[in-house]
Amino acid sequence: RERTKAMKDGDKAEVQAIELDRQKVYKAFNEGKPLEEA
Protein backbone atom coordinates (compact mmCIF):
# COMPACT_ATOMS: atom_id res chain seq x y z
CA ARG A 1 0.00 0.00 0.00
CA GLU A 2 2.84 2.38 0.87
CA ARG A 3 4.64 1.52 -2.37
CA THR A 4 1.51 2.22 -4.42
CA LYS A 5 1.14 5.62 -2.76
CA ALA A 6 4.80 6.46 -3.35
CA MET A 7 4.48 5.43 -7.00
CA LYS A 8 1.42 7.64 -7.44
CA ASP A 9 3.32 10.52 -5.81
CA GLY A 10 6.26 9.92 -8.15
CA ASP A 11 8.67 9.47 -5.22
CA LYS A 12 11.27 7.12 -6.72
CA ALA A 13 13.52 7.20 -3.66
CA GLU A 14 10.64 6.12 -1.42
CA VAL A 15 9.65 3.36 -3.84
CA GLN A 16 13.23 2.03 -3.75
CA ALA A 17 13.33 2.19 0.06
CA ILE A 18 10.06 0.28 0.28
CA GLU A 19 11.34 -2.32 -2.19
CA LEU A 20 14.34 -2.89 0.08
CA ASP A 21 12.03 -3.28 3.06
CA ARG A 22 9.93 -5.79 1.14
CA GLN A 23 13.05 -7.82 0.31
CA LYS A 24 14.10 -7.77 3.96
CA VAL A 25 10.64 -8.90 5.09
CA TYR A 26 10.61 -11.75 2.56
CA LYS A 27 14.09 -12.81 3.67
CA ALA A 28 13.21 -12.77 7.37
CA PHE A 29 10.06 -14.80 6.74
CA ASN A 30 11.83 -17.35 4.54
CA GLU A 31 14.56 -17.78 7.15
CA GLY A 32 11.99 -18.27 9.91
CA LYS A 33 13.01 -15.12 11.74
CA PRO A 34 10.67 -12.62 13.43
CA LEU A 35 9.76 -9.77 11.08
CA GLU A 36 11.19 -7.25 13.54
CA GLU A 37 14.63 -8.52 12.56
CA ALA A 38 14.00 -7.45 8.98
PDB file of all heavy atoms in Angstrom:
ATOM      1  N   ARG A   1       0.840  -1.206   0.000  1.00  0.00           N
ATOM      2  CA  ARG A   1       0.000   0.000   0.000  1.00  0.00           C
ATOM      3  C   ARG A   1       0.876   1.257   0.000  1.00  0.00           C
ATOM      4  O   ARG A   1       0.619   2.205  -0.740  1.00  0.00           O
ATOM      5  CB  ARG A   1      -0.922  -0.028   1.218  1.00  0.00           C
ATOM      6  CG  ARG A   1      -2.154   0.795   1.063  1.00  0.00           C
ATOM      7  CD  ARG A   1      -3.085   0.608   2.203  1.00  0.00           C
ATOM      8  NE  ARG A   1      -2.314   0.697   3.451  1.00  0.00           N
ATOM      9  CZ  ARG A   1      -2.812   0.696   4.657  1.00  0.00           C
ATOM     10  NH1 ARG A   1      -4.089   0.596   4.822  1.00  0.00           N
ATOM     11  NH2 ARG A   1      -2.061   0.790   5.711  1.00  0.00           N
ATOM     12  N   GLU A   2       1.929   1.237   0.823  1.00  0.00           N
ATOM     13  CA  GLU A   2       2.844   2.382   0.874  1.00  0.00           C
ATOM     14  C   GLU A   2       3.564   2.565  -0.459  1.00  0.00           C
ATOM     15  O   GLU A   2       3.764   3.691  -0.925  1.00  0.00           O
ATOM     16  CB  GLU A   2       3.868   2.191   1.993  1.00  0.00           C
ATOM     17  CG  GLU A   2       3.288   2.299   3.378  1.00  0.00           C
ATOM     18  CD  GLU A   2       4.290   1.964   4.477  1.00  0.00           C
ATOM     19  OE1 GLU A   2       5.469   1.691   4.158  1.00  0.00           O
ATOM     20  OE2 GLU A   2       3.888   1.950   5.648  1.00  0.00           O
ATOM     21  N   ARG A   3       3.951   1.453  -1.078  1.00  0.00           N
ATOM     22  CA  ARG A   3       4.643   1.521  -2.371  1.00  0.00           C
ATOM     23  C   ARG A   3       3.728   2.112  -3.435  1.00  0.00           C
ATOM     24  O   ARG A   3       4.149   2.957  -4.235  1.00  0.00           O
ATOM     25  CB  ARG A   3       5.121   0.132  -2.777  1.00  0.00           C
ATOM     26  CG  ARG A   3       5.891   0.137  -4.098  1.00  0.00           C
ATOM     27  CD  ARG A   3       6.327  -1.224  -4.493  1.00  0.00           C
ATOM     28  NE  ARG A   3       5.140  -2.066  -4.682  1.00  0.00           N
ATOM     29  CZ  ARG A   3       5.187  -3.309  -5.092  1.00  0.00           C
ATOM     30  NH1 ARG A   3       6.337  -3.890  -5.335  1.00  0.00           N
ATOM     31  NH2 ARG A   3       4.082  -4.002  -5.254  1.00  0.00           N
ATOM     32  N   THR A   4       2.467   1.688  -3.449  1.00  0.00           N
ATOM     33  CA  THR A   4       1.508   2.219  -4.420  1.00  0.00           C
ATOM     34  C   THR A   4       1.352   3.724  -4.259  1.00  0.00           C
ATOM     35  O   THR A   4       1.346   4.468  -5.247  1.00  0.00           O
ATOM     36  CB  THR A   4       0.143   1.513  -4.266  1.00  0.00           C
ATOM     37  OG1 THR A   4       0.320   0.120  -4.505  1.00  0.00           O
ATOM     38  CG2 THR A   4      -0.879   2.064  -5.234  1.00  0.00           C
ATOM     39  N   LYS A   5       1.260   4.176  -3.017  1.00  0.00           N
ATOM     40  CA  LYS A   5       1.136   5.617  -2.755  1.00  0.00           C
ATOM     41  C   LYS A   5       2.377   6.359  -3.238  1.00  0.00           C
ATOM     42  O   LYS A   5       2.285   7.394  -3.893  1.00  0.00           O
ATOM     43  CB  LYS A   5       0.911   5.886  -1.275  1.00  0.00           C
ATOM     44  CG  LYS A   5       0.711   7.361  -0.965  1.00  0.00           C
ATOM     45  CD  LYS A   5       0.542   7.582   0.522  1.00  0.00           C
ATOM     46  CE  LYS A   5       0.332   9.029   0.890  1.00  0.00           C
ATOM     47  NZ  LYS A   5       1.168  10.004   0.248  1.00  0.00           N
ATOM     48  N   ALA A   6       3.552   5.816  -2.931  1.00  0.00           N
ATOM     49  CA  ALA A   6       4.800   6.460  -3.349  1.00  0.00           C
ATOM     50  C   ALA A   6       4.908   6.500  -4.877  1.00  0.00           C
ATOM     51  O   ALA A   6       5.391   7.484  -5.448  1.00  0.00           O
ATOM     52  CB  ALA A   6       5.999   5.732  -2.749  1.00  0.00           C
ATOM     53  N   MET A   7       4.444   5.456  -5.537  1.00  0.00           N
ATOM     54  CA  MET A   7       4.475   5.428  -6.999  1.00  0.00           C
ATOM     55  C   MET A   7       3.548   6.501  -7.573  1.00  0.00           C
ATOM     56  O   MET A   7       3.908   7.189  -8.534  1.00  0.00           O
ATOM     57  CB  MET A   7       4.088   4.040  -7.511  1.00  0.00           C
ATOM     58  CG  MET A   7       5.137   2.986  -7.234  1.00  0.00           C
ATOM     59  SD  MET A   7       4.579   1.317  -7.579  1.00  0.00           S
ATOM     60  CE  MET A   7       4.778   1.256  -9.343  1.00  0.00           C
ATOM     61  N   LYS A   8       2.365   6.623  -6.984  1.00  0.00           N
ATOM     62  CA  LYS A   8       1.418   7.644  -7.443  1.00  0.00           C
ATOM     63  C   LYS A   8       1.976   9.048  -7.227  1.00  0.00           C
ATOM     64  O   LYS A   8       1.731   9.944  -8.025  1.00  0.00           O
ATOM     65  CB  LYS A   8       0.081   7.501  -6.716  1.00  0.00           C
ATOM     66  CG  LYS A   8      -0.742   6.343  -7.193  1.00  0.00           C
ATOM     67  CD  LYS A   8      -2.051   6.249  -6.446  1.00  0.00           C
ATOM     68  CE  LYS A   8      -2.859   5.052  -6.899  1.00  0.00           C
ATOM     69  NZ  LYS A   8      -4.101   4.893  -6.140  1.00  0.00           N
ATOM     70  N   ASP A   9       2.721   9.217  -6.124  1.00  0.00           N
ATOM     71  CA  ASP A   9       3.323  10.517  -5.812  1.00  0.00           C
ATOM     72  C   ASP A   9       4.576  10.780  -6.632  1.00  0.00           C
ATOM     73  O   ASP A   9       5.112  11.882  -6.600  1.00  0.00           O
ATOM     74  CB  ASP A   9       3.667  10.605  -4.319  1.00  0.00           C
ATOM     75  CG  ASP A   9       2.442  10.597  -3.425  1.00  0.00           C
ATOM     76  OD1 ASP A   9       1.321  10.807  -3.944  1.00  0.00           O
ATOM     77  OD2 ASP A   9       2.597  10.364  -2.207  1.00  0.00           O
ATOM     78  N   GLY A  10       5.062   9.761  -7.337  1.00  0.00           N
ATOM     79  CA  GLY A  10       6.264   9.920  -8.151  1.00  0.00           C
ATOM     80  C   GLY A  10       7.543   9.973  -7.326  1.00  0.00           C
ATOM     81  O   GLY A  10       8.560  10.477  -7.788  1.00  0.00           O
ATOM     82  N   ASP A  11       7.522   9.433  -6.119  1.00  0.00           N
ATOM     83  CA  ASP A  11       8.674   9.468  -5.215  1.00  0.00           C
ATOM     84  C   ASP A  11       9.526   8.212  -5.413  1.00  0.00           C
ATOM     85  O   ASP A  11       9.364   7.203  -4.729  1.00  0.00           O
ATOM     86  CB  ASP A  11       8.177   9.574  -3.766  1.00  0.00           C
ATOM     87  CG  ASP A  11       9.286   9.848  -2.777  1.00  0.00           C
ATOM     88  OD1 ASP A  11      10.463   9.643  -3.127  1.00  0.00           O
ATOM     89  OD2 ASP A  11       8.960  10.262  -1.644  1.00  0.00           O
ATOM     90  N   LYS A  12      10.463   8.289  -6.368  1.00  0.00           N
ATOM     91  CA  LYS A  12      11.272   7.124  -6.725  1.00  0.00           C
ATOM     92  C   LYS A  12      12.148   6.647  -5.564  1.00  0.00           C
ATOM     93  O   LYS A  12      12.338   5.444  -5.373  1.00  0.00           O
ATOM     94  CB  LYS A  12      12.142   7.432  -7.938  1.00  0.00           C
ATOM     95  CG  LYS A  12      11.342   7.587  -9.210  1.00  0.00           C
ATOM     96  CD  LYS A  12      12.229   7.877 -10.394  1.00  0.00           C
ATOM     97  CE  LYS A  12      11.382   8.085 -11.639  1.00  0.00           C
ATOM     98  NZ  LYS A  12      12.192   8.369 -12.810  1.00  0.00           N
ATOM     99  N   ALA A  13      12.672   7.578  -4.790  1.00  0.00           N
ATOM    100  CA  ALA A  13      13.519   7.200  -3.660  1.00  0.00           C
ATOM    101  C   ALA A  13      12.721   6.408  -2.621  1.00  0.00           C
ATOM    102  O   ALA A  13      13.205   5.406  -2.079  1.00  0.00           O
ATOM    103  CB  ALA A  13      14.130   8.444  -3.010  1.00  0.00           C
ATOM    104  N   GLU A  14      11.495   6.830  -2.378  1.00  0.00           N
ATOM    105  CA  GLU A  14      10.640   6.124  -1.416  1.00  0.00           C
ATOM    106  C   GLU A  14      10.256   4.741  -1.942  1.00  0.00           C
ATOM    107  O   GLU A  14      10.235   3.767  -1.182  1.00  0.00           O
ATOM    108  CB  GLU A  14       9.390   6.950  -1.098  1.00  0.00           C
ATOM    109  CG  GLU A  14       8.482   6.331  -0.061  1.00  0.00           C
ATOM    110  CD  GLU A  14       9.082   6.245   1.326  1.00  0.00           C
ATOM    111  OE1 GLU A  14      10.125   6.883   1.598  1.00  0.00           O
ATOM    112  OE2 GLU A  14       8.524   5.519   2.155  1.00  0.00           O
ATOM    113  N   VAL A  15       9.981   4.651  -3.234  1.00  0.00           N
ATOM    114  CA  VAL A  15       9.650   3.356  -3.839  1.00  0.00           C
ATOM    115  C   VAL A  15      10.825   2.391  -3.664  1.00  0.00           C
ATOM    116  O   VAL A  15      10.637   1.230  -3.282  1.00  0.00           O
ATOM    117  CB  VAL A  15       9.280   3.499  -5.334  1.00  0.00           C
ATOM    118  CG1 VAL A  15       9.161   2.133  -6.007  1.00  0.00           C
ATOM    119  CG2 VAL A  15       7.990   4.279  -5.490  1.00  0.00           C
ATOM    120  N   GLN A  16      12.047   2.878  -3.905  1.00  0.00           N
ATOM    121  CA  GLN A  16      13.234   2.029  -3.747  1.00  0.00           C
ATOM    122  C   GLN A  16      13.420   1.609  -2.294  1.00  0.00           C
ATOM    123  O   GLN A  16      13.754   0.451  -2.016  1.00  0.00           O
ATOM    124  CB  GLN A  16      14.477   2.754  -4.257  1.00  0.00           C
ATOM    125  CG  GLN A  16      14.532   2.870  -5.755  1.00  0.00           C
ATOM    126  CD  GLN A  16      15.737   3.644  -6.243  1.00  0.00           C
ATOM    127  OE1 GLN A  16      16.284   4.476  -5.519  1.00  0.00           O
ATOM    128  NE2 GLN A  16      16.160   3.379  -7.462  1.00  0.00           N
ATOM    129  N   ALA A  17      13.191   2.509  -1.363  1.00  0.00           N
ATOM    130  CA  ALA A  17      13.333   2.191   0.056  1.00  0.00           C
ATOM    131  C   ALA A  17      12.305   1.123   0.467  1.00  0.00           C
ATOM    132  O   ALA A  17      12.628   0.187   1.216  1.00  0.00           O
ATOM    133  CB  ALA A  17      13.166   3.445   0.902  1.00  0.00           C
ATOM    134  N   ILE A  18      11.103   1.253  -0.034  1.00  0.00           N
ATOM    135  CA  ILE A  18      10.058   0.284   0.282  1.00  0.00           C
ATOM    136  C   ILE A  18      10.386  -1.069  -0.346  1.00  0.00           C
ATOM    137  O   ILE A  18      10.169  -2.119   0.278  1.00  0.00           O
ATOM    138  CB  ILE A  18       8.673   0.801  -0.162  1.00  0.00           C
ATOM    139  CG1 ILE A  18       8.275   2.017   0.689  1.00  0.00           C
ATOM    140  CG2 ILE A  18       7.619  -0.292  -0.060  1.00  0.00           C
ATOM    141  CD1 ILE A  18       7.080   2.778   0.164  1.00  0.00           C
ATOM    142  N   GLU A  19      10.929  -1.063  -1.546  1.00  0.00           N
ATOM    143  CA  GLU A  19      11.340  -2.318  -2.193  1.00  0.00           C
ATOM    144  C   GLU A  19      12.393  -3.030  -1.352  1.00  0.00           C
ATOM    145  O   GLU A  19      12.347  -4.257  -1.198  1.00  0.00           O
ATOM    146  CB  GLU A  19      11.874  -2.063  -3.600  1.00  0.00           C
ATOM    147  CG  GLU A  19      10.803  -1.848  -4.634  1.00  0.00           C
ATOM    148  CD  GLU A  19       9.887  -3.055  -4.798  1.00  0.00           C
ATOM    149  OE1 GLU A  19      10.334  -4.212  -4.686  1.00  0.00           O
ATOM    150  OE2 GLU A  19       8.682  -2.839  -5.031  1.00  0.00           O
ATOM    151  N   LEU A  20      13.329  -2.289  -0.801  1.00  0.00           N
ATOM    152  CA  LEU A  20      14.343  -2.887   0.076  1.00  0.00           C
ATOM    153  C   LEU A  20      13.697  -3.473   1.323  1.00  0.00           C
ATOM    154  O   LEU A  20      14.067  -4.569   1.762  1.00  0.00           O
ATOM    155  CB  LEU A  20      15.404  -1.857   0.460  1.00  0.00           C
ATOM    156  CG  LEU A  20      16.381  -1.463  -0.638  1.00  0.00           C
ATOM    157  CD1 LEU A  20      17.311  -0.343  -0.158  1.00  0.00           C
ATOM    158  CD2 LEU A  20      17.197  -2.666  -1.076  1.00  0.00           C
ATOM    159  N   ASP A  21      12.741  -2.758   1.895  1.00  0.00           N
ATOM    160  CA  ASP A  21      12.026  -3.275   3.064  1.00  0.00           C
ATOM    161  C   ASP A  21      11.275  -4.559   2.716  1.00  0.00           C
ATOM    162  O   ASP A  21      11.268  -5.510   3.507  1.00  0.00           O
ATOM    163  CB  ASP A  21      11.043  -2.236   3.614  1.00  0.00           C
ATOM    164  CG  ASP A  21      11.726  -1.114   4.366  1.00  0.00           C
ATOM    165  OD1 ASP A  21      12.922  -1.246   4.712  1.00  0.00           O
ATOM    166  OD2 ASP A  21      11.058  -0.093   4.621  1.00  0.00           O
ATOM    167  N   ARG A  22      10.650  -4.588   1.555  1.00  0.00           N
ATOM    168  CA  ARG A  22       9.927  -5.791   1.137  1.00  0.00           C
ATOM    169  C   ARG A  22      10.882  -6.979   1.023  1.00  0.00           C
ATOM    170  O   ARG A  22      10.573  -8.079   1.468  1.00  0.00           O
ATOM    171  CB  ARG A  22       9.221  -5.571  -0.206  1.00  0.00           C
ATOM    172  CG  ARG A  22       8.044  -4.620  -0.132  1.00  0.00           C
ATOM    173  CD  ARG A  22       7.401  -4.369  -1.496  1.00  0.00           C
ATOM    174  NE  ARG A  22       6.497  -5.461  -1.818  1.00  0.00           N
ATOM    175  CZ  ARG A  22       6.680  -6.336  -2.807  1.00  0.00           C
ATOM    176  NH1 ARG A  22       7.708  -6.250  -3.593  1.00  0.00           N
ATOM    177  NH2 ARG A  22       5.794  -7.294  -3.015  1.00  0.00           N
ATOM    178  N   GLN A  23      12.051  -6.748   0.441  1.00  0.00           N
ATOM    179  CA  GLN A  23      13.046  -7.817   0.310  1.00  0.00           C
ATOM    180  C   GLN A  23      13.492  -8.320   1.677  1.00  0.00           C
ATOM    181  O   GLN A  23      13.631  -9.528   1.891  1.00  0.00           O
ATOM    182  CB  GLN A  23      14.248  -7.331  -0.489  1.00  0.00           C
ATOM    183  CG  GLN A  23      13.953  -7.103  -1.950  1.00  0.00           C
ATOM    184  CD  GLN A  23      15.104  -6.447  -2.686  1.00  0.00           C
ATOM    185  OE1 GLN A  23      16.212  -6.318  -2.162  1.00  0.00           O
ATOM    186  NE2 GLN A  23      14.849  -6.010  -3.918  1.00  0.00           N
ATOM    187  N   LYS A  24      13.684  -7.392   2.605  1.00  0.00           N
ATOM    188  CA  LYS A  24      14.101  -7.771   3.959  1.00  0.00           C
ATOM    189  C   LYS A  24      13.015  -8.580   4.664  1.00  0.00           C
ATOM    190  O   LYS A  24      13.299  -9.545   5.378  1.00  0.00           O
ATOM    191  CB  LYS A  24      14.435  -6.525   4.782  1.00  0.00           C
ATOM    192  CG  LYS A  24      15.684  -5.809   4.320  1.00  0.00           C
ATOM    193  CD  LYS A  24      15.867  -4.529   5.108  1.00  0.00           C
ATOM    194  CE  LYS A  24      17.025  -3.710   4.604  1.00  0.00           C
ATOM    195  NZ  LYS A  24      17.157  -2.426   5.338  1.00  0.00           N
ATOM    196  N   VAL A  25      11.761  -8.188   4.466  1.00  0.00           N
ATOM    197  CA  VAL A  25      10.637  -8.896   5.088  1.00  0.00           C
ATOM    198  C   VAL A  25      10.526 -10.310   4.507  1.00  0.00           C
ATOM    199  O   VAL A  25      10.358 -11.281   5.254  1.00  0.00           O
ATOM    200  CB  VAL A  25       9.324  -8.106   4.908  1.00  0.00           C
ATOM    201  CG1 VAL A  25       8.105  -8.941   5.254  1.00  0.00           C
ATOM    202  CG2 VAL A  25       9.362  -6.845   5.756  1.00  0.00           C
ATOM    203  N   TYR A  26      10.635 -10.433   3.191  1.00  0.00           N
ATOM    204  CA  TYR A  26      10.615 -11.754   2.563  1.00  0.00           C
ATOM    205  C   TYR A  26      11.737 -12.626   3.115  1.00  0.00           C
ATOM    206  O   TYR A  26      11.533 -13.797   3.436  1.00  0.00           O
ATOM    207  CB  TYR A  26      10.774 -11.644   1.039  1.00  0.00           C
ATOM    208  CG  TYR A  26       9.478 -11.542   0.284  1.00  0.00           C
ATOM    209  CD1 TYR A  26       9.063 -10.327  -0.243  1.00  0.00           C
ATOM    210  CD2 TYR A  26       8.668 -12.645   0.080  1.00  0.00           C
ATOM    211  CE1 TYR A  26       7.879 -10.216  -0.955  1.00  0.00           C
ATOM    212  CE2 TYR A  26       7.477 -12.544  -0.634  1.00  0.00           C
ATOM    213  CZ  TYR A  26       7.101 -11.328  -1.147  1.00  0.00           C
ATOM    214  OH  TYR A  26       5.927 -11.228  -1.851  1.00  0.00           O
ATOM    215  N   LYS A  27      12.928 -12.056   3.201  1.00  0.00           N
ATOM    216  CA  LYS A  27      14.089 -12.813   3.675  1.00  0.00           C
ATOM    217  C   LYS A  27      13.884 -13.280   5.108  1.00  0.00           C
ATOM    218  O   LYS A  27      14.132 -14.450   5.425  1.00  0.00           O
ATOM    219  CB  LYS A  27      15.356 -11.956   3.576  1.00  0.00           C
ATOM    220  CG  LYS A  27      16.610 -12.708   3.942  1.00  0.00           C
ATOM    221  CD  LYS A  27      17.849 -11.873   3.753  1.00  0.00           C
ATOM    222  CE  LYS A  27      19.055 -12.745   4.064  1.00  0.00           C
ATOM    223  NZ  LYS A  27      20.171 -12.019   4.542  1.00  0.00           N
ATOM    224  N   ALA A  28      13.434 -12.396   5.974  1.00  0.00           N
ATOM    225  CA  ALA A  28      13.207 -12.768   7.374  1.00  0.00           C
ATOM    226  C   ALA A  28      12.172 -13.887   7.463  1.00  0.00           C
ATOM    227  O   ALA A  28      12.356 -14.865   8.198  1.00  0.00           O
ATOM    228  CB  ALA A  28      12.763 -11.559   8.189  1.00  0.00           C
ATOM    229  N   PHE A  29      11.094 -13.772   6.711  1.00  0.00           N
ATOM    230  CA  PHE A  29      10.058 -14.796   6.741  1.00  0.00           C
ATOM    231  C   PHE A  29      10.598 -16.136   6.247  1.00  0.00           C
ATOM    232  O   PHE A  29      10.402 -17.171   6.876  1.00  0.00           O
ATOM    233  CB  PHE A  29       8.849 -14.373   5.918  1.00  0.00           C
ATOM    234  CG  PHE A  29       7.789 -15.430   5.870  1.00  0.00           C
ATOM    235  CD1 PHE A  29       7.006 -15.702   6.973  1.00  0.00           C
ATOM    236  CD2 PHE A  29       7.592 -16.180   4.718  1.00  0.00           C
ATOM    237  CE1 PHE A  29       6.033 -16.694   6.947  1.00  0.00           C
ATOM    238  CE2 PHE A  29       6.628 -17.173   4.678  1.00  0.00           C
ATOM    239  CZ  PHE A  29       5.850 -17.431   5.793  1.00  0.00           C
ATOM    240  N   ASN A  30      11.297 -16.107   5.123  1.00  0.00           N
ATOM    241  CA  ASN A  30      11.827 -17.347   4.544  1.00  0.00           C
ATOM    242  C   ASN A  30      12.864 -18.018   5.439  1.00  0.00           C
ATOM    243  O   ASN A  30      13.023 -19.235   5.398  1.00  0.00           O
ATOM    244  CB  ASN A  30      12.409 -17.099   3.159  1.00  0.00           C
ATOM    245  CG  ASN A  30      11.334 -16.845   2.136  1.00  0.00           C
ATOM    246  OD1 ASN A  30      10.217 -17.330   2.254  1.00  0.00           O
ATOM    247  ND2 ASN A  30      11.663 -16.066   1.115  1.00  0.00           N
ATOM    248  N   GLU A  31      13.564 -17.220   6.238  1.00  0.00           N
ATOM    249  CA  GLU A  31      14.561 -17.776   7.153  1.00  0.00           C
ATOM    250  C   GLU A  31      13.962 -18.143   8.503  1.00  0.00           C
ATOM    251  O   GLU A  31      14.674 -18.599   9.393  1.00  0.00           O
ATOM    252  CB  GLU A  31      15.713 -16.787   7.336  1.00  0.00           C
ATOM    253  CG  GLU A  31      16.530 -16.598   6.071  1.00  0.00           C
ATOM    254  CD  GLU A  31      17.614 -15.552   6.203  1.00  0.00           C
ATOM    255  OE1 GLU A  31      17.685 -14.861   7.250  1.00  0.00           O
ATOM    256  OE2 GLU A  31      18.402 -15.415   5.253  1.00  0.00           O
ATOM    257  N   GLY A  32      12.650 -17.910   8.661  1.00  0.00           N
ATOM    258  CA  GLY A  32      11.991 -18.270   9.909  1.00  0.00           C
ATOM    259  C   GLY A  32      12.274 -17.317  11.051  1.00  0.00           C
ATOM    260  O   GLY A  32      12.102 -17.667  12.211  1.00  0.00           O
ATOM    261  N   LYS A  33      12.697 -16.120  10.721  1.00  0.00           N
ATOM    262  CA  LYS A  33      13.010 -15.119  11.743  1.00  0.00           C
ATOM    263  C   LYS A  33      11.804 -14.203  11.998  1.00  0.00           C
ATOM    264  O   LYS A  33      10.974 -14.029  11.108  1.00  0.00           O
ATOM    265  CB  LYS A  33      14.202 -14.270  11.305  1.00  0.00           C
ATOM    266  CG  LYS A  33      15.473 -15.053  11.141  1.00  0.00           C
ATOM    267  CD  LYS A  33      16.591 -14.167  10.656  1.00  0.00           C
ATOM    268  CE  LYS A  33      17.877 -14.967  10.474  1.00  0.00           C
ATOM    269  NZ  LYS A  33      18.932 -14.133   9.902  1.00  0.00           N
ATOM    270  N   PRO A  34      11.742 -13.604  13.186  1.00  0.00           N
ATOM    271  CA  PRO A  34      10.672 -12.620  13.431  1.00  0.00           C
ATOM    272  C   PRO A  34      10.823 -11.437  12.472  1.00  0.00           C
ATOM    273  O   PRO A  34      11.947 -11.046  12.113  1.00  0.00           O
ATOM    274  CB  PRO A  34      10.917 -12.163  14.865  1.00  0.00           C
ATOM    275  CG  PRO A  34      11.798 -13.198  15.473  1.00  0.00           C
ATOM    276  CD  PRO A  34      12.582 -13.814  14.346  1.00  0.00           C
ATOM    277  N   LEU A  35       9.710 -10.871  12.051  1.00  0.00           N
ATOM    278  CA  LEU A  35       9.762  -9.766  11.084  1.00  0.00           C
ATOM    279  C   LEU A  35      10.477  -8.547  11.635  1.00  0.00           C
ATOM    280  O   LEU A  35      11.010  -7.753  10.869  1.00  0.00           O
ATOM    281  CB  LEU A  35       8.363  -9.408  10.616  1.00  0.00           C
ATOM    282  CG  LEU A  35       7.639 -10.480   9.811  1.00  0.00           C
ATOM    283  CD1 LEU A  35       6.284  -9.969   9.357  1.00  0.00           C
ATOM    284  CD2 LEU A  35       8.458 -10.929   8.617  1.00  0.00           C
ATOM    285  N   GLU A  36      10.486  -8.392  12.953  1.00  0.00           N
ATOM    286  CA  GLU A  36      11.186  -7.246  13.544  1.00  0.00           C
ATOM    287  C   GLU A  36      12.655  -7.250  13.147  1.00  0.00           C
ATOM    288  O   GLU A  36      13.275  -6.198  13.021  1.00  0.00           O
ATOM    289  CB  GLU A  36      11.080  -7.254  15.073  1.00  0.00           C
ATOM    290  CG  GLU A  36       9.687  -7.141  15.625  1.00  0.00           C
ATOM    291  CD  GLU A  36       8.935  -8.457  15.629  1.00  0.00           C
ATOM    292  OE1 GLU A  36       9.531  -9.528  15.889  1.00  0.00           O
ATOM    293  OE2 GLU A  36       7.714  -8.424  15.343  1.00  0.00           O
ATOM    294  N   GLU A  37      13.218  -8.426  12.944  1.00  0.00           N
ATOM    295  CA  GLU A  37      14.631  -8.524  12.556  1.00  0.00           C
ATOM    296  C   GLU A  37      14.883  -8.006  11.151  1.00  0.00           C
ATOM    297  O   GLU A  37      16.005  -7.672  10.810  1.00  0.00           O
ATOM    298  CB  GLU A  37      15.123  -9.957  12.693  1.00  0.00           C
ATOM    299  CG  GLU A  37      15.254 -10.404  14.125  1.00  0.00           C
ATOM    300  CD  GLU A  37      15.948 -11.751  14.260  1.00  0.00           C
ATOM    301  OE1 GLU A  37      16.705 -12.128  13.346  1.00  0.00           O
ATOM    302  OE2 GLU A  37      15.736 -12.395  15.300  1.00  0.00           O
ATOM    303  N   ALA A  38      13.837  -7.936  10.355  1.00  0.00           N
ATOM    304  CA  ALA A  38      13.997  -7.449   8.980  1.00  0.00           C
ATOM    305  C   ALA A  38      14.405  -5.971   8.969  1.00  0.00           C
ATOM    306  O   ALA A  38      15.051  -5.524   8.024  1.00  0.00           O
ATOM    307  CB  ALA A  38      12.693  -7.632   8.208  1.00  0.00           C
TER     308      ALA A  38
END
